[in-house]
Amino acid sequence: MDPASRSLRPLLLGGGAALVALVFGGVVLGTSGTSTPDQALRGISAALGWAEPLEPAAQAIHELRLWRVLCASLAGAALALSGVYLQGLFRNPLAAPGLLGVSTGGTLGATLAILVLGGYGPQLLLEGSRAWTPYALSGASFLGALATVSLVLGLARGTARTDPGTLLLVGVAVNATLGGAFVAVQAWVLDDWQVSQALLAWSFGTLDDRQAYHVWMIAAGLVPALLVVPRTAFALDLFQGGETDARRLGVATGTTRALVVVVASAATACAVSAVGAIGFIGLVVPHIARRLVGTGHARLLPAAAVLGALLLPALDLLQLALLDRRLLPPGAVTALLGGPFFLSMLLRHARGRDL
């Protein structure tokens, strides 16, 4: 069956059921041991205010597991959705959420916060020894991402051309500059292993010790990106023929471009500020979604969000099952799996075109 003719409903229903199973499995299985299904269910219910909590230590463990899997799910959805938005806007299948420097800006913002906090970086990421430090880190990351997007938009607006191609090139240049700054900071603090450890953890993403406010932070960027799908989907379909043709067909191209950039950047910034930089989700998931539901953005955008919401927690749960306590950073896992997968897709596409 042609993907374009497939209904989105089976994917949404199946994805919803799979997500419930992943959340439950993520609460049952953890680095501190395996819980019984009854304990997991009661821990989840208590965290949501629906039941009496478990013994304090056990309840805290189950809540940490719940926030971890929810952060993974929402962050995966936000990054995948942003990837579809930017690929549609730039008409470029290689576009990714980090293209405008959002991920790098967020990472650099968190880096500056870690430097200000000095040697408290590892405790901030892993133990939360100070009540205010997690908020400071996430807030600095969000501000860094927001400042980067503002810089990219400002520089692109100052040029003679403000088309997506110009925006793309400005984003690549700013992204490279900020990436160099981050490497320079890493080299500068190389002798301080505590700060270096904290910087490395953030640059590859972290799901450790997530809290409820991290979940709300990601949702604050994801929900607006989902709400504008009905308004932007058809316009992005028309964008594929070029902005000139889309404008002739009645699309307010400038407004659509600004809206897509804002919601995609906000969703990415909120995800990065909560879980750090996790690559390849926004690059690979949109291509998987296209194979399942076709290229129409009315189906593609929600499909990518569902698949992204499943992929990251599934990889995390698979690690817990296979590696027990020694887990790889989520960004490292997505790079190890996403890089070869995407390369294989490119090679198949190139061979098919050559034929």
Protein backbone atom coordinates (compact mmCIF):
# COMPACT_ATOMS: atom_id res chain seq x y z
CA MET A 1 0.00 0.00 0.00
CA ASP A 2 1.23 3.48 -0.86
CA PRO A 3 2.28 5.33 2.33
CA ALA A 4 0.31 8.36 1.19
CA SER A 5 -2.92 6.36 1.39
CA ARG A 6 -2.30 4.91 4.83
CA SER A 7 -4.34 6.14 7.76
CA LEU A 8 -2.67 7.78 10.70
CA ARG A 9 -5.10 6.25 13.20
CA PRO A 10 -3.42 2.80 13.54
CA LEU A 11 -0.08 4.46 14.23
CA LEU A 12 -1.57 6.77 16.84
CA LEU A 13 -3.47 3.95 18.58
CA GLY A 14 -0.57 1.51 18.44
CA GLY A 15 1.90 4.18 19.45
CA GLY A 16 -0.24 5.21 22.42
CA ALA A 17 -0.45 1.62 23.65
CA ALA A 18 3.29 1.12 23.15
CA LEU A 19 4.03 4.34 25.03
CA VAL A 20 1.97 3.21 28.03
CA ALA A 21 3.91 -0.06 28.02
CA LEU A 22 7.25 1.77 27.80
CA VAL A 23 6.38 4.09 30.67
CA PHE A 24 5.33 1.17 32.84
CA GLY A 25 8.43 -0.81 31.88
CA GLY A 26 10.65 2.19 32.61
CA VAL A 27 9.23 2.40 36.13
CA VAL A 28 9.55 -1.35 36.73
CA LEU A 29 13.15 -1.55 35.50
CA GLY A 30 15.90 0.71 36.84
CA THR A 31 19.57 0.84 37.71
CA SER A 32 18.72 0.29 41.40
CA GLY A 33 16.87 -2.96 40.72
CA THR A 34 13.60 -4.34 39.40
CA SER A 35 10.25 -3.53 40.98
CA THR A 36 7.14 -5.64 40.96
CA PRO A 37 4.29 -4.51 38.70
CA ASP A 38 2.18 -3.74 41.79
CA GLN A 39 4.90 -1.51 43.24
CA ALA A 40 5.37 0.27 39.92
CA LEU A 41 1.65 0.87 39.50
CA ARG A 42 1.28 2.21 43.02
CA GLY A 43 4.37 4.40 42.63
CA ILE A 44 3.01 5.91 39.41
CA SER A 45 -0.43 6.44 40.92
CA ALA A 46 1.06 8.11 43.99
CA ALA A 47 3.23 10.40 41.86
CA LEU A 48 0.07 11.51 40.05
CA GLY A 49 -1.81 11.96 43.33
CA TRP A 50 -4.14 9.02 42.77
CA ALA A 51 -2.99 6.71 45.58
CA GLU A 52 -1.11 6.54 48.85
CA PRO A 53 2.66 6.63 48.32
CA LEU A 54 5.05 3.80 48.94
CA GLU A 55 7.68 3.90 51.68
CA PRO A 56 9.55 7.23 51.17
CA ALA A 57 12.77 5.82 49.68
CA ALA A 58 10.89 3.45 47.36
CA GLN A 59 8.48 6.18 46.29
CA ALA A 60 11.37 8.51 45.47
CA ILE A 61 13.00 5.83 43.31
CA HIS A 62 9.79 5.14 41.39
CA GLU A 63 9.17 8.83 40.81
CA LEU A 64 12.70 9.32 39.47
CA ARG A 65 12.10 6.46 37.05
CA LEU A 66 8.76 7.94 36.00
CA TRP A 67 10.18 11.40 35.32
CA ARG A 68 13.10 9.82 33.44
CA VAL A 69 10.92 7.91 31.00
CA LEU A 70 8.50 10.82 30.55
CA CYS A 71 11.38 13.21 29.83
CA ALA A 72 12.79 10.74 27.30
CA SER A 73 9.42 10.40 25.60
CA LEU A 74 8.55 14.10 25.44
CA ALA A 75 12.07 15.09 24.39
CA GLY A 76 12.03 12.49 21.61
CA ALA A 77 8.66 13.79 20.39
CA ALA A 78 9.83 17.41 20.49
CA LEU A 79 13.06 16.74 18.58
CA ALA A 80 11.36 14.57 15.96
CA LEU A 81 8.59 17.12 15.42
CA SER A 82 11.13 19.93 15.10
CA GLY A 83 13.03 17.88 12.55
CA VAL A 84 9.96 17.53 10.33
CA TYR A 85 9.22 21.24 10.62
CA LEU A 86 12.72 22.29 9.59
CA GLN A 87 13.07 19.70 6.84
CA GLY A 88 9.77 20.89 5.39
CA LEU A 89 10.68 24.55 5.69
CA PHE A 90 14.16 24.22 4.18
CA ARG A 91 13.05 21.53 1.69
CA ASN A 92 16.14 19.66 2.84
CA PRO A 93 16.02 16.08 4.18
CA LEU A 94 19.28 16.70 6.04
CA ALA A 95 17.88 19.51 8.16
CA ALA A 96 17.83 18.80 11.90
CA PRO A 97 16.76 20.63 15.08
CA GLY A 98 20.34 21.64 15.79
CA LEU A 99 20.67 23.31 12.41
CA LEU A 100 19.89 26.80 13.69
CA GLY A 101 22.33 26.41 16.55
CA VAL A 102 19.62 25.71 19.11
CA SER A 103 21.24 22.59 20.54
CA THR A 104 24.72 24.11 20.54
CA GLY A 105 23.44 27.34 22.08
CA GLY A 106 21.62 25.43 24.79
CA THR A 107 24.70 23.35 25.52
CA LEU A 108 26.89 26.44 25.68
CA GLY A 109 24.42 28.11 28.04
CA ALA A 110 24.54 25.10 30.35
CA THR A 111 28.34 25.10 30.05
CA LEU A 112 28.56 28.69 31.24
CA ALA A 113 26.27 27.86 34.17
CA ILE A 114 28.48 24.90 35.12
CA LEU A 115 31.56 27.11 34.99
CA VAL A 116 29.89 29.68 37.23
CA LEU A 117 28.93 26.95 39.68
CA GLY A 118 32.49 25.65 39.57
CA GLY A 119 33.08 22.23 41.00
CA TYR A 120 29.40 21.59 41.72
CA GLY A 121 28.78 20.43 38.15
CA PRO A 122 28.68 16.66 38.81
CA GLN A 123 26.51 17.04 41.91
CA LEU A 124 24.20 19.31 39.94
CA LEU A 125 23.74 16.70 37.21
CA LEU A 126 23.76 13.53 39.24
CA GLU A 127 22.87 14.24 42.84
CA GLY A 128 21.08 17.60 42.97
CA SER A 129 22.92 18.59 46.14
CA ARG A 130 21.62 22.15 45.97
CA ALA A 131 17.94 22.82 45.52
CA TRP A 132 18.41 25.70 43.08
CA THR A 133 21.24 24.40 40.89
CA PRO A 134 19.13 22.21 38.56
CA TYR A 135 16.88 25.17 37.84
CA ALA A 136 19.91 27.36 37.17
CA LEU A 137 21.34 24.85 34.71
CA SER A 138 18.09 24.34 32.80
CA GLY A 139 17.36 28.07 32.77
CA ALA A 140 20.83 28.91 31.46
CA SER A 141 20.51 26.27 28.77
CA PHE A 142 17.14 27.62 27.64
CA LEU A 143 18.44 31.19 27.57
CA GLY A 144 21.47 30.08 25.56
CA ALA A 145 19.26 28.34 23.01
CA LEU A 146 16.91 31.32 22.83
CA ALA A 147 19.79 33.78 22.39
CA THR A 148 21.26 31.67 19.60
CA VAL A 149 18.01 31.53 17.65
CA SER A 150 17.58 35.29 18.10
CA LEU A 151 21.11 35.84 16.81
CA VAL A 152 20.55 33.64 13.76
CA LEU A 153 17.24 35.32 12.92
CA GLY A 154 18.73 38.77 13.44
CA LEU A 155 21.72 38.11 11.20
CA ALA A 156 19.56 36.54 8.49
CA ARG A 157 17.12 39.45 8.62
CA GLY A 158 20.01 41.87 8.15
CA THR A 159 20.97 40.35 4.80
CA ALA A 160 19.50 41.27 1.45
CA ARG A 161 17.79 37.87 1.24
CA THR A 162 15.75 36.33 4.03
CA ASP A 163 14.82 33.09 2.27
CA PRO A 164 15.25 29.70 4.01
CA GLY A 165 18.57 29.13 2.24
CA THR A 166 20.07 32.25 3.80
CA LEU A 167 18.68 31.31 7.20
CA LEU A 168 20.18 27.86 6.80
CA LEU A 169 23.66 29.18 5.97
CA VAL A 170 23.60 31.69 8.83
CA GLY A 171 22.54 28.91 11.19
CA VAL A 172 25.38 26.66 10.04
CA ALA A 173 27.92 29.48 10.54
CA VAL A 174 26.66 30.39 14.02
CA ASN A 175 26.42 26.73 14.97
CA ALA A 176 30.04 26.14 13.95
CA THR A 177 31.21 29.20 15.89
CA LEU A 178 29.41 28.16 19.06
CA GLY A 179 30.68 24.63 18.66
CA GLY A 180 34.21 25.97 18.54
CA ALA A 181 33.56 28.01 21.68
CA PHE A 182 32.31 24.91 23.48
CA VAL A 183 35.42 22.94 22.50
CA ALA A 184 37.60 25.83 23.68
CA VAL A 185 35.88 25.78 27.08
CA GLN A 186 36.38 22.02 27.31
CA ALA A 187 40.08 22.43 26.58
CA TRP A 188 40.35 25.23 29.12
CA VAL A 189 38.91 23.15 32.00
CA LEU A 190 40.47 19.84 30.95
CA ASP A 191 42.53 19.61 34.15
CA ASP A 192 39.43 19.99 36.32
CA TRP A 193 37.97 16.52 35.92
CA GLN A 194 34.78 17.31 37.85
CA VAL A 195 33.79 20.20 35.59
CA SER A 196 34.94 18.26 32.51
CA GLN A 197 32.73 15.35 33.53
CA ALA A 198 29.75 17.64 33.92
CA LEU A 199 30.34 19.27 30.53
CA LEU A 200 30.70 15.90 28.84
CA ALA A 201 27.51 14.58 30.44
CA TRP A 202 25.49 17.57 29.27
CA SER A 203 26.91 17.57 25.73
CA PHE A 204 25.74 13.97 25.18
CA GLY A 205 22.45 14.36 27.04
CA THR A 206 21.38 13.09 30.44
CA LEU A 207 18.23 11.46 31.75
CA ASP A 208 19.54 10.96 35.28
CA ASP A 209 17.65 12.45 38.20
CA ARG A 210 15.03 14.22 36.12
CA GLN A 211 12.24 15.88 38.06
CA ALA A 212 8.63 16.84 37.37
CA TYR A 213 9.63 20.36 36.35
CA HIS A 214 11.79 18.91 33.56
CA VAL A 215 8.68 17.18 32.18
CA TRP A 216 6.71 20.43 32.25
CA MET A 217 9.62 22.28 30.68
CA ILE A 218 9.68 19.99 27.64
CA ALA A 219 5.89 20.03 27.40
CA ALA A 220 5.96 23.84 27.32
CA GLY A 221 7.79 23.67 24.00
CA LEU A 222 6.14 20.55 22.60
CA VAL A 223 2.49 21.51 23.07
CA PRO A 224 2.62 24.74 20.98
CA ALA A 225 4.47 22.87 18.23
CA LEU A 226 1.64 20.32 18.15
CA LEU A 227 -1.11 22.94 18.29
CA VAL A 228 0.07 24.71 15.14
CA VAL A 229 0.17 21.51 13.06
CA PRO A 230 -3.27 22.17 11.48
CA ARG A 231 -2.21 25.69 10.52
CA THR A 232 1.21 24.84 9.09
CA ALA A 233 0.80 21.38 7.55
CA PHE A 234 -0.83 22.40 4.25
CA ALA A 235 1.45 25.42 3.90
CA LEU A 236 4.53 23.20 4.29
CA ASP A 237 3.14 20.89 1.59
CA LEU A 238 2.96 23.87 -0.76
CA PHE A 239 6.46 24.98 0.29
CA GLN A 240 7.87 21.84 -1.36
CA GLY A 241 7.28 23.42 -4.76
CA GLY A 242 9.17 26.56 -3.74
CA GLU A 243 8.20 29.67 -1.80
CA THR A 244 7.29 31.57 -4.97
CA ASP A 245 4.70 29.00 -5.99
CA ALA A 246 3.42 28.75 -2.42
CA ARG A 247 2.98 32.53 -2.29
CA ARG A 248 1.06 32.49 -5.57
CA LEU A 249 -1.24 29.85 -4.12
CA GLY A 250 -2.12 32.13 -1.22
CA VAL A 251 0.34 31.06 1.48
CA ALA A 252 1.65 33.85 3.72
CA THR A 253 5.19 32.56 3.35
CA GLY A 254 6.83 35.04 5.71
CA THR A 255 4.35 34.35 8.50
CA THR A 256 4.57 30.59 7.98
CA ARG A 257 8.36 30.68 7.96
CA ALA A 258 8.48 32.69 11.18
CA LEU A 259 5.91 30.45 12.89
CA VAL A 260 7.72 27.24 11.92
CA VAL A 261 11.11 28.55 13.04
CA VAL A 262 9.70 29.77 16.36
CA VAL A 263 7.83 26.59 17.32
CA ALA A 264 10.62 24.27 16.12
CA SER A 265 13.26 26.29 17.94
CA ALA A 266 11.18 26.55 21.12
CA ALA A 267 10.47 22.81 21.17
CA THR A 268 14.17 22.02 20.68
CA ALA A 269 15.29 24.62 23.22
CA CYS A 270 12.93 23.26 25.89
CA ALA A 271 14.08 19.69 25.22
CA VAL A 272 17.77 20.61 25.33
CA SER A 273 17.32 22.64 28.51
CA ALA A 274 15.78 19.61 30.23
CA VAL A 275 17.84 16.65 28.96
CA GLY A 276 20.87 18.13 27.22
CA ALA A 277 21.93 17.72 23.60
CA ILE A 278 20.63 14.50 22.02
CA GLY A 279 21.30 14.22 18.31
CA PHE A 280 19.90 12.24 15.37
CA ILE A 281 16.34 11.92 16.73
CA GLY A 282 15.21 14.92 14.68
CA LEU A 283 17.19 13.77 11.66
CA VAL A 284 16.29 10.08 11.44
CA VAL A 285 12.74 9.83 12.83
CA PRO A 286 11.17 12.05 10.11
CA HIS A 287 12.53 9.69 7.44
CA ILE A 288 11.04 6.67 9.23
CA ALA A 289 7.72 8.49 9.50
CA ARG A 290 7.70 9.27 5.77
CA ARG A 291 8.05 5.58 4.99
CA LEU A 292 5.02 4.84 7.16
CA VAL A 293 2.57 7.65 6.35
CA GLY A 294 3.93 9.44 3.28
CA THR A 295 5.07 13.02 2.79
CA GLY A 296 1.87 14.94 3.58
CA HIS A 297 2.63 17.06 6.63
CA ALA A 298 -0.85 16.65 8.12
CA ARG A 299 0.07 13.00 8.75
CA LEU A 300 3.85 13.33 8.86
CA LEU A 301 4.06 15.80 11.76
CA PRO A 302 1.96 13.81 14.29
CA ALA A 303 3.46 10.53 13.09
CA ALA A 304 6.99 11.79 13.73
CA ALA A 305 5.98 13.02 17.18
CA VAL A 306 4.60 9.58 18.06
CA LEU A 307 7.66 7.74 16.76
CA GLY A 308 10.01 10.13 18.52
CA ALA A 309 8.07 9.65 21.75
CA LEU A 310 8.64 5.90 21.44
CA LEU A 311 12.22 5.75 20.19
CA LEU A 312 14.16 7.47 22.97
CA PRO A 313 12.48 5.70 25.92
CA ALA A 314 12.69 2.39 24.03
CA LEU A 315 16.45 2.81 23.60
CA ASP A 316 16.80 3.77 27.24
CA LEU A 317 14.78 0.75 28.39
CA LEU A 318 16.80 -1.53 26.10
CA GLN A 319 19.99 -0.24 27.71
CA LEU A 320 18.59 -0.91 31.17
CA ALA A 321 17.75 -4.47 30.15
CA LEU A 322 21.11 -5.20 28.49
CA LEU A 323 23.68 -3.09 30.32
CA ASP A 324 22.20 -2.98 33.84
CA ARG A 325 23.87 -0.09 35.68
CA ARG A 326 26.51 1.06 33.16
CA LEU A 327 24.35 3.09 30.80
CA LEU A 328 25.66 5.09 27.86
CA PRO A 329 24.53 8.73 27.53
CA PRO A 330 21.37 8.92 25.39
CA GLY A 331 23.10 11.14 22.83
CA ALA A 332 25.84 8.56 22.35
CA VAL A 333 23.27 5.79 21.79
CA THR A 334 21.29 7.80 19.24
CA ALA A 335 24.51 8.69 17.41
CA LEU A 336 25.77 5.10 17.34
CA LEU A 337 22.46 3.82 15.97
CA GLY A 338 21.22 6.84 14.04
CA GLY A 339 24.41 7.57 12.14
CA PRO A 340 24.73 4.18 10.39
CA PHE A 341 20.96 4.00 9.86
CA PHE A 342 20.86 7.37 8.17
CA LEU A 343 23.95 6.58 6.10
CA SER A 344 22.31 3.37 4.86
CA MET A 345 19.22 5.35 3.85
CA LEU A 346 21.35 7.83 1.91
CA LEU A 347 23.23 5.04 0.11
CA ARG A 348 20.00 3.27 -0.85
CA HIS A 349 18.55 6.53 -2.11
CA ALA A 350 21.68 7.30 -4.14
CA ARG A 351 21.71 3.83 -5.74
CA GLY A 352 18.05 4.08 -6.59
CA ARG A 353 18.52 7.47 -8.21
CA ASP A 354 21.51 6.24 -10.16
CA LEU A 355 19.41 3.38 -11.49
